[in-house]
PDB file of N, CA and C in Angstrom:
ATOM      1  N   MET A   1       0.854  -1.170   0.000  1.00  0.00           N
ATOM      2  CA  MET A   1       0.000   0.000   0.000  1.00  0.00           C
ATOM      3  C   MET A   1       0.899   1.232   0.000  1.00  0.00           C
ATOM      4  N   GLY A   2       0.570   2.174  -0.853  1.00  0.00           N
ATOM      5  CA  GLY A   2       1.341   3.409  -0.932  1.00  0.00           C
ATOM      6  C   GLY A   2       1.062   4.307   0.257  1.00  0.00           C
ATOM      7  N   GLU A   3       1.880   5.318   0.424  1.00  0.00           N
ATOM      8  CA  GLU A   3       1.719   6.237   1.554  1.00  0.00           C
ATOM      9  C   GLU A   3       0.405   6.992   1.514  1.00  0.00           C
ATOM     10  N   THR A   4      -0.115   7.254   0.321  1.00  0.00           N
ATOM     11  CA  THR A   4      -1.369   7.995   0.204  1.00  0.00           C
ATOM     12  C   THR A   4      -2.500   7.104  -0.291  1.00  0.00           C
ATOM     13  N   GLY A   5      -2.382   5.820  -0.099  1.00  0.00           N
ATOM     14  CA  GLY A   5      -3.385   4.872  -0.575  1.00  0.00           C
ATOM     15  C   GLY A   5      -2.958   4.303  -1.909  1.00  0.00           C
ATOM     16  N   GLY A   6      -3.764   3.423  -2.454  1.00  0.00           N
ATOM     17  CA  GLY A   6      -3.416   2.769  -3.710  1.00  0.00           C
ATOM     18  C   GLY A   6      -2.408   1.660  -3.484  1.00  0.00           C
ATOM     19  N   ILE A   7      -2.025   1.027  -4.554  1.00  0.00           N
ATOM     20  CA  ILE A   7      -1.082  -0.092  -4.511  1.00  0.00           C
ATOM     21  C   ILE A   7       0.162   0.320  -5.292  1.00  0.00           C
ATOM     22  N   VAL A   8       1.331   0.070  -4.736  1.00  0.00           N
ATOM     23  CA  VAL A   8       2.579   0.402  -5.402  1.00  0.00           C
ATOM     24  C   VAL A   8       3.196  -0.879  -5.951  1.00  0.00           C
ATOM     25  N   LEU A   9       3.543  -0.835  -7.228  1.00  0.00           N
ATOM     26  CA  LEU A   9       4.176  -1.963  -7.915  1.00  0.00           C
ATOM     27  C   LEU A   9       5.538  -1.480  -8.403  1.00  0.00           C
ATOM     28  N   ARG A  10       6.592  -2.183  -8.006  1.00  0.00           N
ATOM     29  CA  ARG A  10       7.940  -1.785  -8.417  1.00  0.00           C
ATOM     30  C   ARG A  10       8.549  -2.942  -9.195  1.00  0.00           C
ATOM     31  N   VAL A  11       9.139  -2.628 -10.354  1.00  0.00           N
ATOM     32  CA  VAL A  11       9.790  -3.638 -11.184  1.00  0.00           C
ATOM     33  C   VAL A  11      11.240  -3.220 -11.439  1.00  0.00           C
ATOM     34  N   TYR A  12      12.085  -4.223 -11.703  1.00  0.00           N
ATOM     35  CA  TYR A  12      13.519  -3.991 -11.865  1.00  0.00           C
ATOM     36  C   TYR A  12      14.043  -4.903 -12.966  1.00  0.00           C
ATOM     37  N   GLU A  13      14.795  -4.357 -13.894  1.00  0.00           N
ATOM     38  CA  GLU A  13      15.432  -5.148 -14.933  1.00  0.00           C
ATOM     39  C   GLU A  13      16.790  -5.587 -14.395  1.00  0.00           C
ATOM     40  N   ALA A  14      16.941  -6.879 -14.149  1.00  0.00           N
ATOM     41  CA  ALA A  14      18.118  -7.379 -13.444  1.00  0.00           C
ATOM     42  C   ALA A  14      19.170  -8.049 -14.332  1.00  0.00           C
ATOM     43  N   ASN A  15      18.907  -8.200 -15.633  1.00  0.00           N
ATOM     44  CA  ASN A  15      19.840  -8.915 -16.502  1.00  0.00           C
ATOM     45  C   ASN A  15      20.773  -8.018 -17.296  1.00  0.00           C
ATOM     46  N   GLY A  16      20.626  -6.703 -17.177  1.00  0.00           N
ATOM     47  CA  GLY A  16      21.490  -5.788 -17.909  1.00  0.00           C
ATOM     48  C   GLY A  16      21.153  -5.660 -19.378  1.00  0.00           C
ATOM     49  N   ARG A  17      19.913  -6.053 -19.751  1.00  0.00           N
ATOM     50  CA  ARG A  17      19.474  -5.956 -21.140  1.00  0.00           C
ATOM     51  C   ARG A  17      18.165  -5.188 -21.207  1.00  0.00           C
ATOM     52  N   PRO A  18      17.979  -4.376 -22.238  1.00  0.00           N
ATOM     53  CA  PRO A  18      16.703  -3.666 -22.348  1.00  0.00           C
ATOM     54  C   PRO A  18      15.553  -4.655 -22.519  1.00  0.00           C
ATOM     55  N   ALA A  19      14.413  -4.284 -22.024  1.00  0.00           N
ATOM     56  CA  ALA A  19      13.206  -5.107 -22.142  1.00  0.00           C
ATOM     57  C   ALA A  19      12.115  -4.224 -22.745  1.00  0.00           C
ATOM     58  N   ALA A  20      11.794  -4.489 -24.001  1.00  0.00           N
ATOM     59  CA  ALA A  20      10.793  -3.682 -24.706  1.00  0.00           C
ATOM     60  C   ALA A  20       9.421  -4.321 -24.589  1.00  0.00           C
ATOM     61  N   ASN A  21       8.413  -3.461 -24.487  1.00  0.00           N
ATOM     62  CA  ASN A  21       7.020  -3.878 -24.496  1.00  0.00           C
ATOM     63  C   ASN A  21       6.693  -4.902 -23.404  1.00  0.00           C
ATOM     64  N   VAL A  22       7.154  -4.634 -22.193  1.00  0.00           N
ATOM     65  CA  VAL A  22       6.825  -5.479 -21.042  1.00  0.00           C
ATOM     66  C   VAL A  22       5.335  -5.307 -20.753  1.00  0.00           C
ATOM     67  N   LYS A  23       4.660  -6.395 -20.458  1.00  0.00           N
ATOM     68  CA  LYS A  23       3.239  -6.332 -20.156  1.00  0.00           C
ATOM     69  C   LYS A  23       2.960  -7.025 -18.835  1.00  0.00           C
ATOM     70  N   ILE A  24       2.194  -6.354 -17.987  1.00  0.00           N
ATOM     71  CA  ILE A  24       1.759  -6.945 -16.727  1.00  0.00           C
ATOM     72  C   ILE A  24       0.239  -6.907 -16.714  1.00  0.00           C
ATOM     73  N   ARG A  25      -0.359  -8.063 -16.636  1.00  0.00           N
ATOM     74  CA  ARG A  25      -1.820  -8.166 -16.583  1.00  0.00           C
ATOM     75  C   ARG A  25      -2.252  -7.946 -15.144  1.00  0.00           C
ATOM     76  N   LEU A  26      -3.130  -6.973 -14.930  1.00  0.00           N
ATOM     77  CA  LEU A  26      -3.600  -6.609 -13.595  1.00  0.00           C
ATOM     78  C   LEU A  26      -4.968  -7.222 -13.346  1.00  0.00           C
ATOM     79  N   PRO A  27      -5.298  -7.462 -12.086  1.00  0.00           N
ATOM     80  CA  PRO A  27      -6.643  -7.962 -11.799  1.00  0.00           C
ATOM     81  C   PRO A  27      -7.674  -6.878 -12.100  1.00  0.00           C
ATOM     82  N   GLY A  28      -8.903  -7.281 -12.330  1.00  0.00           N
ATOM     83  CA  GLY A  28      -9.974  -6.311 -12.530  1.00  0.00           C
ATOM     84  C   GLY A  28     -10.100  -5.428 -11.299  1.00  0.00           C
ATOM     85  N   GLY A  29     -10.671  -4.269 -11.479  1.00  0.00           N
ATOM     86  CA  GLY A  29     -10.860  -3.370 -10.352  1.00  0.00           C
ATOM     87  C   GLY A  29      -9.822  -2.279 -10.230  1.00  0.00           C
ATOM     88  N   VAL A  30      -8.799  -2.279 -11.094  1.00  0.00           N
ATOM     89  CA  VAL A  30      -7.819  -1.189 -11.088  1.00  0.00           C
ATOM     90  C   VAL A  30      -8.381  -0.081 -11.977  1.00  0.00           C
ATOM     91  N   ALA A  31      -8.658   1.076 -11.387  1.00  0.00           N
ATOM     92  CA  ALA A  31      -9.284   2.175 -12.117  1.00  0.00           C
ATOM     93  C   ALA A  31      -8.270   3.006 -12.890  1.00  0.00           C
ATOM     94  N   SER A  32      -7.077   3.196 -12.321  1.00  0.00           N
ATOM     95  CA  SER A  32      -6.074   4.018 -12.991  1.00  0.00           C
ATOM     96  C   SER A  32      -4.674   3.602 -12.550  1.00  0.00           C
ATOM     97  N   ALA A  33      -3.698   4.011 -13.369  1.00  0.00           N
ATOM     98  CA  ALA A  33      -2.301   3.698 -13.072  1.00  0.00           C
ATOM     99  C   ALA A  33      -1.445   4.900 -13.455  1.00  0.00           C
ATOM    100  N   ALA A  34      -0.389   5.105 -12.708  1.00  0.00           N
ATOM    101  CA  ALA A  34       0.553   6.182 -12.997  1.00  0.00           C
ATOM    102  C   ALA A  34       1.960   5.687 -12.722  1.00  0.00           C
ATOM    103  N   GLU A  35       2.913   6.170 -13.526  1.00  0.00           N
ATOM    104  CA  GLU A  35       4.315   5.935 -13.210  1.00  0.00           C
ATOM    105  C   GLU A  35       4.697   6.985 -12.176  1.00  0.00           C
ATOM    106  N   VAL A  36       5.374   6.552 -11.124  1.00  0.00           N
ATOM    107  CA  VAL A  36       5.778   7.460 -10.052  1.00  0.00           C
ATOM    108  C   VAL A  36       7.267   7.270  -9.795  1.00  0.00           C
ATOM    109  N   ASN A  37       7.870   8.232  -9.093  1.00  0.00           N
ATOM    110  CA  ASN A  37       9.281   8.073  -8.743  1.00  0.00           C
ATOM    111  C   ASN A  37       9.395   7.231  -7.471  1.00  0.00           C
ATOM    112  N   LEU A  38      10.608   7.064  -6.985  1.00  0.00           N
ATOM    113  CA  LEU A  38      10.808   6.172  -5.829  1.00  0.00           C
ATOM    114  C   LEU A  38      10.150   6.673  -4.546  1.00  0.00           C
ATOM    115  N   ILE A  39       9.811   7.958  -4.490  1.00  0.00           N
ATOM    116  CA  ILE A  39       9.092   8.461  -3.314  1.00  0.00           C
ATOM    117  C   ILE A  39       7.619   8.731  -3.640  1.00  0.00           C
ATOM    118  N   GLU A  40       7.161   8.061  -4.706  1.00  0.00           N
ATOM    119  CA  GLU A  40       5.759   8.011  -5.100  1.00  0.00           C
ATOM    120  C   GLU A  40       5.166   9.338  -5.569  1.00  0.00           C
ATOM    121  N   GLU A  41       6.007  10.211  -6.117  1.00  0.00           N
ATOM    122  CA  GLU A  41       5.519  11.430  -6.754  1.00  0.00           C
ATOM    123  C   GLU A  41       5.230  11.102  -8.218  1.00  0.00           C
ATOM    124  N   SER A  42       4.094  11.556  -8.707  1.00  0.00           N
ATOM    125  CA  SER A  42       3.647  11.213 -10.052  1.00  0.00           C
ATOM    126  C   SER A  42       4.599  11.746 -11.125  1.00  0.00           C
ATOM    127  N   ILE A  43       4.909  10.883 -12.097  1.00  0.00           N
ATOM    128  CA  ILE A  43       5.692  11.250 -13.269  1.00  0.00           C
ATOM    129  C   ILE A  43       4.747  11.421 -14.458  1.00  0.00           C
ATOM    130  N   ARG A  44       3.893  10.411 -14.669  1.00  0.00           N
ATOM    131  CA  ARG A  44       2.920  10.492 -15.756  1.00  0.00           C
ATOM    132  C   ARG A  44       1.820   9.466 -15.561  1.00  0.00           C
ATOM    133  N   LYS A  45       0.641   9.828 -16.019  1.00  0.00           N
ATOM    134  CA  LYS A  45      -0.501   8.928 -15.973  1.00  0.00           C
ATOM    135  C   LYS A  45      -0.377   7.944 -17.124  1.00  0.00           C
ATOM    136  N   LEU A  46      -0.766   6.695 -16.888  1.00  0.00           N
ATOM    137  CA  LEU A  46      -0.670   5.655 -17.910  1.00  0.00           C
ATOM    138  C   LEU A  46      -2.054   5.186 -18.323  1.00  0.00           C
ATOM    139  N   ASN A  47      -2.166   4.760 -19.555  1.00  0.00           N
ATOM    140  CA  ASN A  47      -3.411   4.180 -20.042  1.00  0.00           C
ATOM    141  C   ASN A  47      -3.355   2.673 -19.870  1.00  0.00           C
ATOM    142  N   LEU A  48      -4.383   2.121 -19.261  1.00  0.00           N
ATOM    143  CA  LEU A  48      -4.503   0.673 -19.144  1.00  0.00           C
ATOM    144  C   LEU A  48      -5.383   0.188 -20.280  1.00  0.00           C
ATOM    145  N   ARG A  49      -4.967  -0.867 -20.952  1.00  0.00           N
ATOM    146  CA  ARG A  49      -5.779  -1.489 -21.995  1.00  0.00           C
ATOM    147  C   ARG A  49      -6.024  -2.927 -21.597  1.00  0.00           C
ATOM    148  N   ASN A  50      -7.300  -3.277 -21.463  1.00  0.00           N
ATOM    149  CA  ASN A  50      -7.679  -4.638 -21.056  1.00  0.00           C
ATOM    150  C   ASN A  50      -6.988  -5.035 -19.758  1.00  0.00           C
ATOM    151  N   ASN A  51      -6.957  -4.109 -18.795  1.00  0.00           N
ATOM    152  CA  ASN A  51      -6.319  -4.347 -17.490  1.00  0.00           C
ATOM    153  C   ASN A  51      -4.839  -4.725 -17.619  1.00  0.00           C
ATOM    154  N   THR A  52      -4.166  -4.196 -18.628  1.00  0.00           N
ATOM    155  CA  THR A  52      -2.761  -4.521 -18.861  1.00  0.00           C
ATOM    156  C   THR A  52      -1.915  -3.253 -18.838  1.00  0.00           C
ATOM    157  N   LEU A  53      -0.848  -3.313 -18.093  1.00  0.00           N
ATOM    158  CA  LEU A  53       0.126  -2.228 -17.991  1.00  0.00           C
ATOM    159  C   LEU A  53       1.275  -2.567 -18.944  1.00  0.00           C
ATOM    160  N   SER A  54       1.609  -1.661 -19.856  1.00  0.00           N
ATOM    161  CA  SER A  54       2.684  -1.892 -20.837  1.00  0.00           C
ATOM    162  C   SER A  54       3.748  -0.806 -20.693  1.00  0.00           C
ATOM    163  N   PHE A  55       5.017  -1.216 -20.777  1.00  0.00           N
ATOM    164  CA  PHE A  55       6.118  -0.261 -20.622  1.00  0.00           C
ATOM    165  C   PHE A  55       7.409  -0.885 -21.119  1.00  0.00           C
ATOM    166  N   ASP A  56       8.435  -0.060 -21.272  1.00  0.00           N
ATOM    167  CA  ASP A  56       9.784  -0.509 -21.641  1.00  0.00           C
ATOM    168  C   ASP A  56      10.706  -0.304 -20.437  1.00  0.00           C
ATOM    169  N   LEU A  57      11.740  -1.138 -20.363  1.00  0.00           N
ATOM    170  CA  LEU A  57      12.756  -0.995 -19.315  1.00  0.00           C
ATOM    171  C   LEU A  57      14.139  -0.924 -19.954  1.00  0.00           C
ATOM    172  N   HIS A  58      14.968  -0.019 -19.464  1.00  0.00           N
ATOM    173  CA  HIS A  58      16.375   0.044 -19.850  1.00  0.00           C
ATOM    174  C   HIS A  58      17.157  -0.927 -18.965  1.00  0.00           C
ATOM    175  N   PRO A  59      18.398  -1.256 -19.336  1.00  0.00           N
ATOM    176  CA  PRO A  59      19.193  -2.147 -18.491  1.00  0.00           C
ATOM    177  C   PRO A  59      19.292  -1.627 -17.046  1.00  0.00           C
ATOM    178  N   TYR A  60      19.021  -2.494 -16.107  1.00  0.00           N
ATOM    179  CA  TYR A  60      19.082  -2.236 -14.666  1.00  0.00           C
ATOM    180  C   TYR A  60      18.128  -1.137 -14.184  1.00  0.00           C
ATOM    181  N   GLU A  61      17.161  -0.795 -14.979  1.00  0.00           N
ATOM    182  CA  GLU A  61      16.230   0.273 -14.603  1.00  0.00           C
ATOM    183  C   GLU A  61      15.194  -0.218 -13.590  1.00  0.00           C
ATOM    184  N   ILE A  62      14.850   0.666 -12.687  1.00  0.00           N
ATOM    185  CA  ILE A  62      13.771   0.440 -11.725  1.00  0.00           C
ATOM    186  C   ILE A  62      12.612   1.331 -12.158  1.00  0.00           C
ATOM    187  N   LYS A  63      11.417   0.762 -12.218  1.00  0.00           N
ATOM    188  CA  LYS A  63      10.209   1.553 -12.480  1.00  0.00           C
ATOM    189  C   LYS A  63       9.233   1.283 -11.353  1.00  0.00           C
ATOM    190  N   THR A  64       8.520   2.331 -10.984  1.00  0.00           N
ATOM    191  CA  THR A  64       7.529   2.231  -9.921  1.00  0.00           C
ATOM    192  C   THR A  64       6.201   2.731 -10.460  1.00  0.00           C
ATOM    193  N   PHE A  65       5.156   1.975 -10.187  1.00  0.00           N
ATOM    194  CA  PHE A  65       3.815   2.317 -10.628  1.00  0.00           C
ATOM    195  C   PHE A  65       2.886   2.376  -9.433  1.00  0.00           C
ATOM    196  N   LYS A  66       1.939   3.306  -9.486  1.00  0.00           N
ATOM    197  CA  LYS A  66       0.914   3.388  -8.453  1.00  0.00           C
ATOM    198  C   LYS A  66      -0.416   3.061  -9.104  1.00  0.00           C
ATOM    199  N   LEU A  67      -1.094   2.081  -8.542  1.00  0.00           N
ATOM    200  CA  LEU A  67      -2.369   1.612  -9.062  1.00  0.00           C
ATOM    201  C   LEU A  67      -3.478   2.043  -8.108  1.00  0.00           C
ATOM    202  N   GLU A  68      -4.509   2.633  -8.665  1.00  0.00           N
ATOM    203  CA  GLU A  68      -5.648   3.082  -7.858  1.00  0.00           C
ATOM    204  C   GLU A  68      -6.825   2.168  -8.115  1.00  0.00           C
ATOM    205  N   PRO A  69      -7.394   1.593  -7.068  1.00  0.00           N
ATOM    206  CA  PRO A  69      -8.563   0.720  -7.275  1.00  0.00           C
ATOM    207  C   PRO A  69      -9.791   1.539  -7.622  1.00  0.00           C
ATOM    208  N   GLY A  70     -10.707   0.891  -8.347  1.00  0.00           N
ATOM    209  CA  GLY A  70     -11.990   1.520  -8.654  1.00  0.00           C
ATOM    210  C   GLY A  70     -12.891   1.458  -7.447  1.00  0.00           C
ATOM    211  N   LYS A  71     -13.962   2.214  -7.503  1.00  0.00           N
ATOM    212  CA  LYS A  71     -14.929   2.201  -6.408  1.00  0.00           C
ATOM    213  C   LYS A  71     -15.720   0.901  -6.433  1.00  0.00           C
ATOM    214  N   THR A  72     -15.969   0.377  -5.258  1.00  0.00           N
ATOM    215  CA  THR A  72     -16.787  -0.837  -5.154  1.00  0.00           C
ATOM    216  C   THR A  72     -18.138  -0.466  -4.573  1.00  0.00           C
ATOM    217  N   ASN A  73     -19.141  -1.215  -4.979  1.00  0.00           N
ATOM    218  CA  ASN A  73     -20.503  -0.949  -4.484  1.00  0.00           C
ATOM    219  C   ASN A  73     -20.770  -1.691  -3.208  1.00  0.00           C
TER     220      ASN A  73
END
């Protein structure tokens, strides 16, 4: 859980090779996603397609994402 709510997902490229078009399938119920820095400040809002987060990684790069759940009834 992030400091201001939501779920924080952090990924790391550990093989020293770029990874293009990485896809992470998220469970239903994620309303929005944003790339954030290591202290969870927003960098940019991301578009989710079919509950899938897509991004590229440079060698040894760390990326952090903040996922916001949708409202439940």
